[in-house]
Amino acid sequence: MIIAGVNGYLLHRSAPVALRGPYVRREAIYPRHTRTATVFTRLLERLSPALAEKYILPWAGGTPRIDRLCTAVTSASAHPTRRLAMSTSVDLAALCREAMRQAWGDGAGLGGSMFEDVARRAVTGLTGEDAADCLAVLASARPVDAYLATRLLAAVARQAGGSAARHWQAAHGWLPFIASTVRACGKQVPARPAVPGVAVGRLVHYRPDRGTGVRHEGAILLVDRPLPVQVPRLLGASGVISRVQADPYQPVAGGPGVPTVTGCRPEIATGRDAADGSWLAAIDGATGEVALLPR
């Protein structure tokens, strides 16, 4: 059984299962829309995906630097003193209606309503077979006033509350979109296949010296050498990247179901430590494909 994990990404109640879906191919994103896909991925990764899908994505495709605004807002909302300044009650639905008006129409007439309805259907379509065309529709939105965008982002962040793990418990349908975006828009790193399957998550170091109580739900673990077969299952990791190439006669990672690649050094592409939680990684254990995208 699969449920969603911390900030994305596959948390397994029992045996891990490889990520599947119509949006795991990099070809599913047109090159001219990679920026929009990247922005949406960052919004989904920072906010409650359910609230982002309803109140943010339908209008955000044409608003410059909204992912940076989102980072600033979520950082402020996590700070105790700054959170007080954001506590003013707002009508989230009213703010969203104004953002939709700015993005898709000049008033409450038929034309604006029609485009808004198309935009909302396009958001739903991002997780389906017509994802590329739906992304093209959303990328055509007009820019929304930065102050309004900031207020909406802050309202969504405040309403979501709770932990990232709870936000993602009902968001596993977005994981193929995130995986495809990272693979299409991220930096490619050479690796060798080991255990088949596609996975996506924050890239983090596995440090056995921290003890068995440390969990890495949904993460892609970066290790120096291939792990014993049960470690990824015990830690809840969705995938493993090993710096050292695996011995072909030794089982690696979590066995079948925990996508794994070996002989990979992410710093070749990033130029620095990529496993500090600031990068998203997508791996394909069948082909050895690894892609990294800054969060």
C-alpha atoms as a PDB file:
ATOM      1  CA  MET A   1       0.000   0.000   0.000  1.00  0.00           C
ATOM      2  CA  ILE A   2       1.313   3.479  -0.857  1.00  0.00           C
ATOM      3  CA  ILE A   3       0.684   6.675   1.019  1.00  0.00           C
ATOM      4  CA  ALA A   4       2.384  10.008   0.393  1.00  0.00           C
ATOM      5  CA  GLY A   5       5.550  10.848   2.260  1.00  0.00           C
ATOM      6  CA  VAL A   6       7.405  13.877   3.551  1.00  0.00           C
ATOM      7  CA  ASN A   7       7.502  16.629   0.936  1.00  0.00           C
ATOM      8  CA  GLY A   8       6.659  14.417  -1.772  1.00  0.00           C
ATOM      9  CA  TYR A   9       7.597  11.384  -2.315  1.00  0.00           C
ATOM     10  CA  LEU A  10       6.956   7.701  -1.808  1.00  0.00           C
ATOM     11  CA  LEU A  11       6.424   6.548   1.750  1.00  0.00           C
ATOM     12  CA  HIS A  12       5.761   2.838   1.988  1.00  0.00           C
ATOM     13  CA  ARG A  13       3.499   1.241   4.533  1.00  0.00           C
ATOM     14  CA  SER A  14       4.757  -2.156   3.403  1.00  0.00           C
ATOM     15  CA  ALA A  15       6.928  -3.115   0.438  1.00  0.00           C
ATOM     16  CA  PRO A  16       8.126  -0.139  -1.671  1.00  0.00           C
ATOM     17  CA  VAL A  17       6.511   0.250  -5.076  1.00  0.00           C
ATOM     18  CA  ALA A  18       8.096   2.016  -8.051  1.00  0.00           C
ATOM     19  CA  LEU A  19       6.536   5.275  -9.173  1.00  0.00           C
ATOM     20  CA  ARG A  20       4.347   4.907 -12.244  1.00  0.00           C
ATOM     21  CA  GLY A  21       2.102   7.152 -14.264  1.00  0.00           C
ATOM     22  CA  PRO A  22       1.573   8.940 -17.586  1.00  0.00           C
ATOM     23  CA  TYR A  23       3.794  11.816 -16.546  1.00  0.00           C
ATOM     24  CA  VAL A  24       7.065  10.065 -15.722  1.00  0.00           C
ATOM     25  CA  ARG A  25       8.535  10.644 -19.195  1.00  0.00           C
ATOM     26  CA  ARG A  26      10.605  13.750 -19.752  1.00  0.00           C
ATOM     27  CA  GLU A  27       8.979  14.103 -23.185  1.00  0.00           C
ATOM     28  CA  ALA A  28       5.719  14.939 -21.389  1.00  0.00           C
ATOM     29  CA  ILE A  29       6.906  18.553 -20.951  1.00  0.00           C
ATOM     30  CA  TYR A  30       7.414  20.815 -23.952  1.00  0.00           C
ATOM     31  CA  PRO A  31      10.798  22.580 -23.785  1.00  0.00           C
ATOM     32  CA  ARG A  32       9.211  26.031 -23.886  1.00  0.00           C
ATOM     33  CA  HIS A  33       7.191  25.226 -20.771  1.00  0.00           C
ATOM     34  CA  THR A  34       9.922  23.818 -18.565  1.00  0.00           C
ATOM     35  CA  ARG A  35      10.044  27.028 -16.542  1.00  0.00           C
ATOM     36  CA  THR A  36       6.338  26.799 -15.722  1.00  0.00           C
ATOM     37  CA  ALA A  37       6.677  23.137 -14.789  1.00  0.00           C
ATOM     38  CA  THR A  38       9.603  23.953 -12.499  1.00  0.00           C
ATOM     39  CA  VAL A  39       7.662  26.750 -10.803  1.00  0.00           C
ATOM     40  CA  PHE A  40       4.653  24.503 -10.249  1.00  0.00           C
ATOM     41  CA  THR A  41       6.873  21.779  -8.794  1.00  0.00           C
ATOM     42  CA  ARG A  42       8.362  24.224  -6.307  1.00  0.00           C
ATOM     43  CA  LEU A  43       4.911  25.489  -5.332  1.00  0.00           C
ATOM     44  CA  LEU A  44       3.649  21.952  -4.787  1.00  0.00           C
ATOM     45  CA  GLU A  45       6.763  21.093  -2.812  1.00  0.00           C
ATOM     46  CA  ARG A  46       6.490  24.151  -0.554  1.00  0.00           C
ATOM     47  CA  LEU A  47       2.743  24.330   0.012  1.00  0.00           C
ATOM     48  CA  SER A  48      -0.052  21.925   0.792  1.00  0.00           C
ATOM     49  CA  PRO A  49      -0.590  20.383  -2.672  1.00  0.00           C
ATOM     50  CA  ALA A  50      -4.364  20.207  -2.157  1.00  0.00           C
ATOM     51  CA  LEU A  51      -4.572  23.951  -1.398  1.00  0.00           C
ATOM     52  CA  ALA A  52      -2.057  24.864  -4.106  1.00  0.00           C
ATOM     53  CA  GLU A  53      -4.106  22.935  -6.653  1.00  0.00           C
ATOM     54  CA  LYS A  54      -7.254  24.818  -5.687  1.00  0.00           C
ATOM     55  CA  TYR A  55      -6.038  28.352  -4.980  1.00  0.00           C
ATOM     56  CA  ILE A  56      -2.608  28.884  -6.607  1.00  0.00           C
ATOM     57  CA  LEU A  57      -1.903  26.819  -9.722  1.00  0.00           C
ATOM     58  CA  PRO A  58      -4.932  27.985 -11.764  1.00  0.00           C
ATOM     59  CA  TRP A  59      -3.517  31.526 -12.046  1.00  0.00           C
ATOM     60  CA  ALA A  60       0.196  31.257 -11.189  1.00  0.00           C
ATOM     61  CA  GLY A  61       1.588  30.193 -14.574  1.00  0.00           C
ATOM     62  CA  GLY A  62       2.167  33.718 -15.856  1.00  0.00           C
ATOM     63  CA  THR A  63       3.283  35.449 -12.647  1.00  0.00           C
ATOM     64  CA  PRO A  64       7.043  36.174 -12.604  1.00  0.00           C
ATOM     65  CA  ARG A  65       9.160  34.848  -9.729  1.00  0.00           C
ATOM     66  CA  ILE A  66       6.190  33.408  -7.868  1.00  0.00           C
ATOM     67  CA  ASP A  67       8.312  30.469  -6.719  1.00  0.00           C
ATOM     68  CA  ARG A  68      10.669  32.946  -5.032  1.00  0.00           C
ATOM     69  CA  LEU A  69       7.718  34.685  -3.430  1.00  0.00           C
ATOM     70  CA  CYS A  70       6.533  31.316  -2.185  1.00  0.00           C
ATOM     71  CA  THR A  71       9.931  30.522  -0.663  1.00  0.00           C
ATOM     72  CA  ALA A  72       9.989  33.867   1.129  1.00  0.00           C
ATOM     73  CA  VAL A  73       6.431  33.457   2.407  1.00  0.00           C
ATOM     74  CA  THR A  74       6.892  29.910   3.677  1.00  0.00           C
ATOM     75  CA  SER A  75      10.172  30.854   5.360  1.00  0.00           C
ATOM     76  CA  ALA A  76       8.457  33.760   7.089  1.00  0.00           C
ATOM     77  CA  SER A  77       5.473  31.663   8.134  1.00  0.00           C
ATOM     78  CA  ALA A  78       7.820  29.185   9.826  1.00  0.00           C
ATOM     79  CA  HIS A  79       9.427  31.958  11.889  1.00  0.00           C
ATOM     80  CA  PRO A  80       7.550  32.584  15.175  1.00  0.00           C
ATOM     81  CA  THR A  81       7.882  36.375  15.201  1.00  0.00           C
ATOM     82  CA  ARG A  82       7.137  36.820  11.523  1.00  0.00           C
ATOM     83  CA  ARG A  83       4.144  34.505  11.712  1.00  0.00           C
ATOM     84  CA  LEU A  84       2.362  37.019  13.947  1.00  0.00           C
ATOM     85  CA  ALA A  85       2.556  39.635  11.216  1.00  0.00           C
ATOM     86  CA  MET A  86       0.863  37.237   8.800  1.00  0.00           C
ATOM     87  CA  SER A  87      -2.019  36.352  11.103  1.00  0.00           C
ATOM     88  CA  THR A  88      -4.564  38.778   9.656  1.00  0.00           C
ATOM     89  CA  SER A  89      -7.687  36.909   8.623  1.00  0.00           C
ATOM     90  CA  VAL A  90      -8.385  36.962   4.884  1.00  0.00           C
ATOM     91  CA  ASP A  91     -11.022  35.541   2.589  1.00  0.00           C
ATOM     92  CA  LEU A  92      -8.975  33.001   0.651  1.00  0.00           C
ATOM     93  CA  ALA A  93     -11.708  32.384  -1.920  1.00  0.00           C
ATOM     94  CA  ALA A  94     -12.112  36.144  -2.556  1.00  0.00           C
ATOM     95  CA  LEU A  95      -8.368  36.590  -3.055  1.00  0.00           C
ATOM     96  CA  CYS A  96      -8.329  33.678  -5.470  1.00  0.00           C
ATOM     97  CA  ARG A  97     -11.233  35.134  -7.456  1.00  0.00           C
ATOM     98  CA  GLU A  98      -9.339  38.405  -7.851  1.00  0.00           C
ATOM     99  CA  ALA A  99      -6.182  36.569  -8.930  1.00  0.00           C
ATOM    100  CA  MET A 100      -8.165  34.588 -11.479  1.00  0.00           C
ATOM    101  CA  ARG A 101      -9.729  37.801 -12.794  1.00  0.00           C
ATOM    102  CA  GLN A 102      -6.309  39.356 -13.290  1.00  0.00           C
ATOM    103  CA  ALA A 103      -4.908  36.220 -14.914  1.00  0.00           C
ATOM    104  CA  TRP A 104      -7.786  35.344 -17.236  1.00  0.00           C
ATOM    105  CA  GLY A 105     -10.303  38.147 -17.614  1.00  0.00           C
ATOM    106  CA  ASP A 106     -11.080  41.814 -17.043  1.00  0.00           C
ATOM    107  CA  GLY A 107     -14.387  41.317 -15.324  1.00  0.00           C
ATOM    108  CA  ALA A 108     -17.157  38.967 -14.378  1.00  0.00           C
ATOM    109  CA  GLY A 109     -18.333  38.477 -17.960  1.00  0.00           C
ATOM    110  CA  LEU A 110     -18.740  35.243 -19.852  1.00  0.00           C
ATOM    111  CA  GLY A 111     -15.268  35.358 -21.383  1.00  0.00           C
ATOM    112  CA  GLY A 112     -13.458  35.603 -18.053  1.00  0.00           C
ATOM    113  CA  SER A 113     -15.535  32.843 -16.501  1.00  0.00           C
ATOM    114  CA  MET A 114     -14.950  30.584 -19.460  1.00  0.00           C
ATOM    115  CA  PHE A 115     -11.161  30.990 -19.326  1.00  0.00           C
ATOM    116  CA  GLU A 116     -11.135  30.495 -15.560  1.00  0.00           C
ATOM    117  CA  ASP A 117     -13.044  27.239 -15.960  1.00  0.00           C
ATOM    118  CA  VAL A 118     -10.583  26.084 -18.608  1.00  0.00           C
ATOM    119  CA  ALA A 119      -7.672  26.928 -16.298  1.00  0.00           C
ATOM    120  CA  ARG A 120      -9.109  24.902 -13.429  1.00  0.00           C
ATOM    121  CA  ARG A 121      -9.673  21.912 -15.702  1.00  0.00           C
ATOM    122  CA  ALA A 122      -6.102  22.285 -16.973  1.00  0.00           C
ATOM    123  CA  VAL A 123      -4.754  22.017 -13.415  1.00  0.00           C
ATOM    124  CA  THR A 124      -6.611  18.740 -12.995  1.00  0.00           C
ATOM    125  CA  GLY A 125      -5.229  17.595 -16.336  1.00  0.00           C
ATOM    126  CA  LEU A 126      -1.604  18.036 -15.260  1.00  0.00           C
ATOM    127  CA  THR A 127      -1.710  14.565 -13.753  1.00  0.00           C
ATOM    128  CA  GLY A 128      -3.248  12.924 -16.844  1.00  0.00           C
ATOM    129  CA  GLU A 129      -2.426  11.968 -20.399  1.00  0.00           C
ATOM    130  CA  ASP A 130      -2.857  15.535 -21.722  1.00  0.00           C
ATOM    131  CA  ALA A 131      -0.463  17.042 -19.192  1.00  0.00           C
ATOM    132  CA  ALA A 132       1.748  18.812 -21.741  1.00  0.00           C
ATOM    133  CA  ASP A 133      -1.188  20.602 -23.370  1.00  0.00           C
ATOM    134  CA  CYS A 134      -2.651  21.524 -19.981  1.00  0.00           C
ATOM    135  CA  LEU A 135       0.681  23.011 -18.946  1.00  0.00           C
ATOM    136  CA  ALA A 136       0.697  25.088 -22.138  1.00  0.00           C
ATOM    137  CA  VAL A 137      -2.723  26.505 -21.253  1.00  0.00           C
ATOM    138  CA  LEU A 138      -1.657  27.448 -17.726  1.00  0.00           C
ATOM    139  CA  ALA A 139       1.582  29.029 -18.958  1.00  0.00           C
ATOM    140  CA  SER A 140      -0.479  31.521 -20.979  1.00  0.00           C
ATOM    141  CA  ALA A 141      -1.967  33.204 -17.894  1.00  0.00           C
ATOM    142  CA  ARG A 142      -1.348  36.932 -17.489  1.00  0.00           C
ATOM    143  CA  PRO A 143       0.757  38.173 -14.549  1.00  0.00           C
ATOM    144  CA  VAL A 144      -0.971  38.737 -11.233  1.00  0.00           C
ATOM    145  CA  ASP A 145      -0.098  41.692  -9.001  1.00  0.00           C
ATOM    146  CA  ALA A 146       2.829  40.705  -6.753  1.00  0.00           C
ATOM    147  CA  TYR A 147       1.159  42.020  -3.598  1.00  0.00           C
ATOM    148  CA  LEU A 148      -1.974  39.976  -4.277  1.00  0.00           C
ATOM    149  CA  ALA A 149       0.111  36.904  -5.089  1.00  0.00           C
ATOM    150  CA  THR A 150       2.033  37.282  -1.824  1.00  0.00           C
ATOM    151  CA  ARG A 151      -1.177  37.613   0.197  1.00  0.00           C
ATOM    152  CA  LEU A 152      -2.601  34.490  -1.408  1.00  0.00           C
ATOM    153  CA  LEU A 153       0.556  32.486  -0.848  1.00  0.00           C
ATOM    154  CA  ALA A 154       0.671  33.606   2.784  1.00  0.00           C
ATOM    155  CA  ALA A 155      -2.994  32.720   3.288  1.00  0.00           C
ATOM    156  CA  VAL A 156      -2.497  29.250   1.831  1.00  0.00           C
ATOM    157  CA  ALA A 157       0.634  28.661   3.909  1.00  0.00           C
ATOM    158  CA  ARG A 158      -1.174  29.787   7.045  1.00  0.00           C
ATOM    159  CA  GLN A 159      -4.296  27.725   6.390  1.00  0.00           C
ATOM    160  CA  ALA A 160      -2.287  24.595   5.650  1.00  0.00           C
ATOM    161  CA  GLY A 161      -0.403  24.580   8.954  1.00  0.00           C
ATOM    162  CA  GLY A 162       0.796  21.250  10.307  1.00  0.00           C
ATOM    163  CA  SER A 163       3.653  19.163   9.005  1.00  0.00           C
ATOM    164  CA  ALA A 164       4.790  18.565   5.467  1.00  0.00           C
ATOM    165  CA  ALA A 165       4.133  14.851   5.953  1.00  0.00           C
ATOM    166  CA  ARG A 166       0.464  15.486   6.661  1.00  0.00           C
ATOM    167  CA  HIS A 167       0.148  17.743   3.619  1.00  0.00           C
ATOM    168  CA  TRP A 168       1.426  15.003   1.353  1.00  0.00           C
ATOM    169  CA  GLN A 169      -0.702  12.161   2.720  1.00  0.00           C
ATOM    170  CA  ALA A 170      -3.331  12.855   0.060  1.00  0.00           C
ATOM    171  CA  ALA A 171      -1.009  14.199  -2.644  1.00  0.00           C
ATOM    172  CA  HIS A 172       0.593  11.113  -4.160  1.00  0.00           C
ATOM    173  CA  GLY A 173      -1.189  11.835  -7.447  1.00  0.00           C
ATOM    174  CA  TRP A 174       1.215  14.737  -8.026  1.00  0.00           C
ATOM    175  CA  LEU A 175       4.381  12.663  -7.644  1.00  0.00           C
ATOM    176  CA  PRO A 176       4.592  11.606 -11.332  1.00  0.00           C
ATOM    177  CA  PHE A 177       4.313  15.278 -12.348  1.00  0.00           C
ATOM    178  CA  ILE A 178       7.136  16.221  -9.971  1.00  0.00           C
ATOM    179  CA  ALA A 179       9.281  13.313 -11.163  1.00  0.00           C
ATOM    180  CA  SER A 180       8.756  14.211 -14.794  1.00  0.00           C
ATOM    181  CA  THR A 181       9.585  17.865 -14.148  1.00  0.00           C
ATOM    182  CA  VAL A 182      12.827  17.029 -12.365  1.00  0.00           C
ATOM    183  CA  ARG A 183      13.816  14.659 -15.169  1.00  0.00           C
ATOM    184  CA  ALA A 184      12.950  17.153 -17.903  1.00  0.00           C
ATOM    185  CA  CYS A 185      14.286  20.330 -16.295  1.00  0.00           C
ATOM    186  CA  GLY A 186      17.047  19.154 -13.973  1.00  0.00           C
ATOM    187  CA  LYS A 187      20.755  18.604 -14.450  1.00  0.00           C
ATOM    188  CA  GLN A 188      21.603  15.149 -15.748  1.00  0.00           C
ATOM    189  CA  VAL A 189      24.229  13.104 -13.880  1.00  0.00           C
ATOM    190  CA  PRO A 190      25.758   9.843 -15.178  1.00  0.00           C
ATOM    191  CA  ALA A 191      25.065   6.688 -13.178  1.00  0.00           C
ATOM    192  CA  ARG A 192      24.645   2.960 -13.618  1.00  0.00           C
ATOM    193  CA  PRO A 193      21.382   1.053 -13.213  1.00  0.00           C
ATOM    194  CA  ALA A 194      20.984  -1.246 -10.243  1.00  0.00           C
ATOM    195  CA  VAL A 195      17.381  -1.733  -9.054  1.00  0.00           C
ATOM    196  CA  PRO A 196      14.601  -0.830 -11.559  1.00  0.00           C
ATOM    197  CA  GLY A 197      11.993   1.799 -10.754  1.00  0.00           C
ATOM    198  CA  VAL A 198      11.444   5.570 -10.849  1.00  0.00           C
ATOM    199  CA  ALA A 199      11.549   7.643  -7.664  1.00  0.00           C
ATOM    200  CA  VAL A 200      11.692  11.310  -6.707  1.00  0.00           C
ATOM    201  CA  GLY A 201      12.476  13.146  -3.474  1.00  0.00           C
ATOM    202  CA  ARG A 202      14.846  15.444  -1.679  1.00  0.00           C
ATOM    203  CA  LEU A 203      18.434  14.301  -1.984  1.00  0.00           C
ATOM    204  CA  VAL A 204      19.880  13.715   1.504  1.00  0.00           C
ATOM    205  CA  HIS A 205      22.949  12.015   2.936  1.00  0.00           C
ATOM    206  CA  TYR A 206      22.426   8.758   4.758  1.00  0.00           C
ATOM    207  CA  ARG A 207      24.499   8.976   7.921  1.00  0.00           C
ATOM    208  CA  PRO A 208      24.498   5.669   9.823  1.00  0.00           C
ATOM    209  CA  ASP A 209      26.335   7.343  12.706  1.00  0.00           C
ATOM    210  CA  ARG A 210      23.122   9.193  13.593  1.00  0.00           C
ATOM    211  CA  GLY A 211      21.501   5.975  14.720  1.00  0.00           C
ATOM    212  CA  THR A 212      18.527   3.959  13.589  1.00  0.00           C
ATOM    213  CA  GLY A 213      15.996   6.451  14.955  1.00  0.00           C
ATOM    214  CA  VAL A 214      16.610   8.910  12.109  1.00  0.00           C
ATOM    215  CA  ARG A 215      13.990   8.576   9.385  1.00  0.00           C
ATOM    216  CA  HIS A 216      14.260   9.651   5.752  1.00  0.00           C
ATOM    217  CA  GLU A 217      10.689   9.172   4.554  1.00  0.00           C
ATOM    218  CA  GLY A 218      10.350   9.922   0.869  1.00  0.00           C
ATOM    219  CA  ALA A 219      13.978  10.950   0.417  1.00  0.00           C
ATOM    220  CA  ILE A 220      16.511   9.838  -2.149  1.00  0.00           C
ATOM    221  CA  LEU A 221      19.432   8.631  -0.043  1.00  0.00           C
ATOM    222  CA  LEU A 222      22.987   9.425  -1.156  1.00  0.00           C
ATOM    223  CA  VAL A 223      25.416   6.844   0.210  1.00  0.00           C
ATOM    224  CA  ASP A 224      29.089   6.154  -0.326  1.00  0.00           C
ATOM    225  CA  ARG A 225      28.551   2.448  -0.954  1.00  0.00           C
ATOM    226  CA  PRO A 226      25.503   0.317  -1.767  1.00  0.00           C
ATOM    227  CA  LEU A 227      23.355  -0.247   1.298  1.00  0.00           C
ATOM    228  CA  PRO A 228      22.346  -3.544   2.883  1.00  0.00           C
ATOM    229  CA  VAL A 229      19.107  -4.716   1.366  1.00  0.00           C
ATOM    230  CA  GLN A 230      16.776  -3.776   4.237  1.00  0.00           C
ATOM    231  CA  VAL A 231      18.033  -0.266   5.082  1.00  0.00           C
ATOM    232  CA  PRO A 232      15.904   1.768   2.613  1.00  0.00           C
ATOM    233  CA  ARG A 233      12.792  -0.123   3.701  1.00  0.00           C
ATOM    234  CA  LEU A 234      13.492   0.600   7.346  1.00  0.00           C
ATOM    235  CA  LEU A 235      14.146   4.282   6.692  1.00  0.00           C
ATOM    236  CA  GLY A 236      11.181   4.804   4.361  1.00  0.00           C
ATOM    237  CA  ALA A 237      13.401   6.087   1.547  1.00  0.00           C
ATOM    238  CA  SER A 238      11.974   6.171  -1.964  1.00  0.00           C
ATOM    239  CA  GLY A 239      15.303   5.601  -3.730  1.00  0.00           C
ATOM    240  CA  VAL A 240      19.061   5.268  -3.325  1.00  0.00           C
ATOM    241  CA  ILE A 241      22.060   6.790  -5.108  1.00  0.00           C
ATOM    242  CA  SER A 242      25.417   5.143  -4.413  1.00  0.00           C
ATOM    243  CA  ARG A 243      28.704   6.845  -5.216  1.00  0.00           C
ATOM    244  CA  VAL A 244      30.456   3.493  -5.652  1.00  0.00           C
ATOM    245  CA  GLN A 245      29.384   1.113  -8.377  1.00  0.00           C
ATOM    246  CA  ALA A 246      27.701  -1.989  -7.054  1.00  0.00           C
ATOM    247  CA  ASP A 247      29.204  -5.442  -7.179  1.00  0.00           C
ATOM    248  CA  PRO A 248      27.045  -7.249  -9.749  1.00  0.00           C
ATOM    249  CA  TYR A 249      26.996 -10.330  -7.508  1.00  0.00           C
ATOM    250  CA  GLN A 250      25.767  -8.525  -4.405  1.00  0.00           C
ATOM    251  CA  PRO A 251      22.168  -7.402  -3.701  1.00  0.00           C
ATOM    252  CA  VAL A 252      21.898  -3.637  -3.314  1.00  0.00           C
ATOM    253  CA  ALA A 253      19.623  -1.176  -1.574  1.00  0.00           C
ATOM    254  CA  GLY A 254      16.187  -2.514  -0.688  1.00  0.00           C
ATOM    255  CA  GLY A 255      15.972  -5.199  -3.328  1.00  0.00           C
ATOM    256  CA  PRO A 256      13.055  -5.111  -5.789  1.00  0.00           C
ATOM    257  CA  GLY A 257      10.895  -2.019  -5.287  1.00  0.00           C
ATOM    258  CA  VAL A 258      13.491   0.489  -4.038  1.00  0.00           C
ATOM    259  CA  PRO A 259      14.867   2.190  -7.174  1.00  0.00           C
ATOM    260  CA  THR A 260      18.649   2.360  -6.992  1.00  0.00           C
ATOM    261  CA  VAL A 261      21.519   3.648  -9.136  1.00  0.00           C
ATOM    262  CA  THR A 262      25.230   3.308  -8.462  1.00  0.00           C
ATOM    263  CA  GLY A 263      28.484   4.920  -9.591  1.00  0.00           C
ATOM    264  CA  CYS A 264      26.964   8.410  -9.362  1.00  0.00           C
ATOM    265  CA  ARG A 265      28.499  11.646  -8.075  1.00  0.00           C
ATOM    266  CA  PRO A 266      25.884  14.427  -7.969  1.00  0.00           C
ATOM    267  CA  GLU A 267      28.444  17.136  -7.198  1.00  0.00           C
ATOM    268  CA  ILE A 268      29.722  16.815 -10.762  1.00  0.00           C
ATOM    269  CA  ALA A 269      26.599  18.644 -11.902  1.00  0.00           C
ATOM    270  CA  THR A 270      25.863  20.813  -8.877  1.00  0.00           C
ATOM    271  CA  GLY A 271      29.386  21.973  -8.095  1.00  0.00           C
ATOM    272  CA  ARG A 272      28.725  21.593  -4.375  1.00  0.00           C
ATOM    273  CA  ASP A 273      27.094  19.315  -1.858  1.00  0.00           C
ATOM    274  CA  ALA A 274      23.780  18.410  -3.445  1.00  0.00           C
ATOM    275  CA  ALA A 275      22.664  16.173  -0.571  1.00  0.00           C
ATOM    276  CA  ASP A 276      21.904  18.885   1.969  1.00  0.00           C
ATOM    277  CA  GLY A 277      18.167  18.849   1.240  1.00  0.00           C
ATOM    278  CA  SER A 278      18.281  21.781  -1.169  1.00  0.00           C
ATOM    279  CA  TRP A 279      17.934  19.673  -4.334  1.00  0.00           C
ATOM    280  CA  LEU A 280      15.253  17.369  -5.662  1.00  0.00           C
ATOM    281  CA  ALA A 281      16.463  14.157  -7.270  1.00  0.00           C
ATOM    282  CA  ALA A 282      14.680  11.870  -9.725  1.00  0.00           C
ATOM    283  CA  ILE A 283      16.199   8.498 -10.548  1.00  0.00           C
ATOM    284  CA  ASP A 284      15.406   5.641 -12.896  1.00  0.00           C
ATOM    285  CA  GLY A 285      16.982   2.481 -11.599  1.00  0.00           C
ATOM    286  CA  ALA A 286      16.381   0.616 -14.852  1.00  0.00           C
ATOM    287  CA  THR A 287      18.312   3.019 -17.093  1.00  0.00           C
ATOM    288  CA  GLY A 288      20.675   4.687 -14.613  1.00  0.00           C
ATOM    289  CA  GLU A 289      19.168   8.115 -15.293  1.00  0.00           C
ATOM    290  CA  VAL A 290      19.655  10.710 -12.541  1.00  0.00           C
ATOM    291  CA  ALA A 291      18.416  14.306 -12.643  1.00  0.00           C
ATOM    292  CA  LEU A 292      18.801  17.045 -10.028  1.00  0.00           C
ATOM    293  CA  LEU A 293      16.709  20.205  -9.684  1.00  0.00           C
ATOM    294  CA  PRO A 294      17.293  23.022  -7.149  1.00  0.00           C
ATOM    295  CA  ARG A 295      14.401  23.378  -4.707  1.00  0.00           C
END
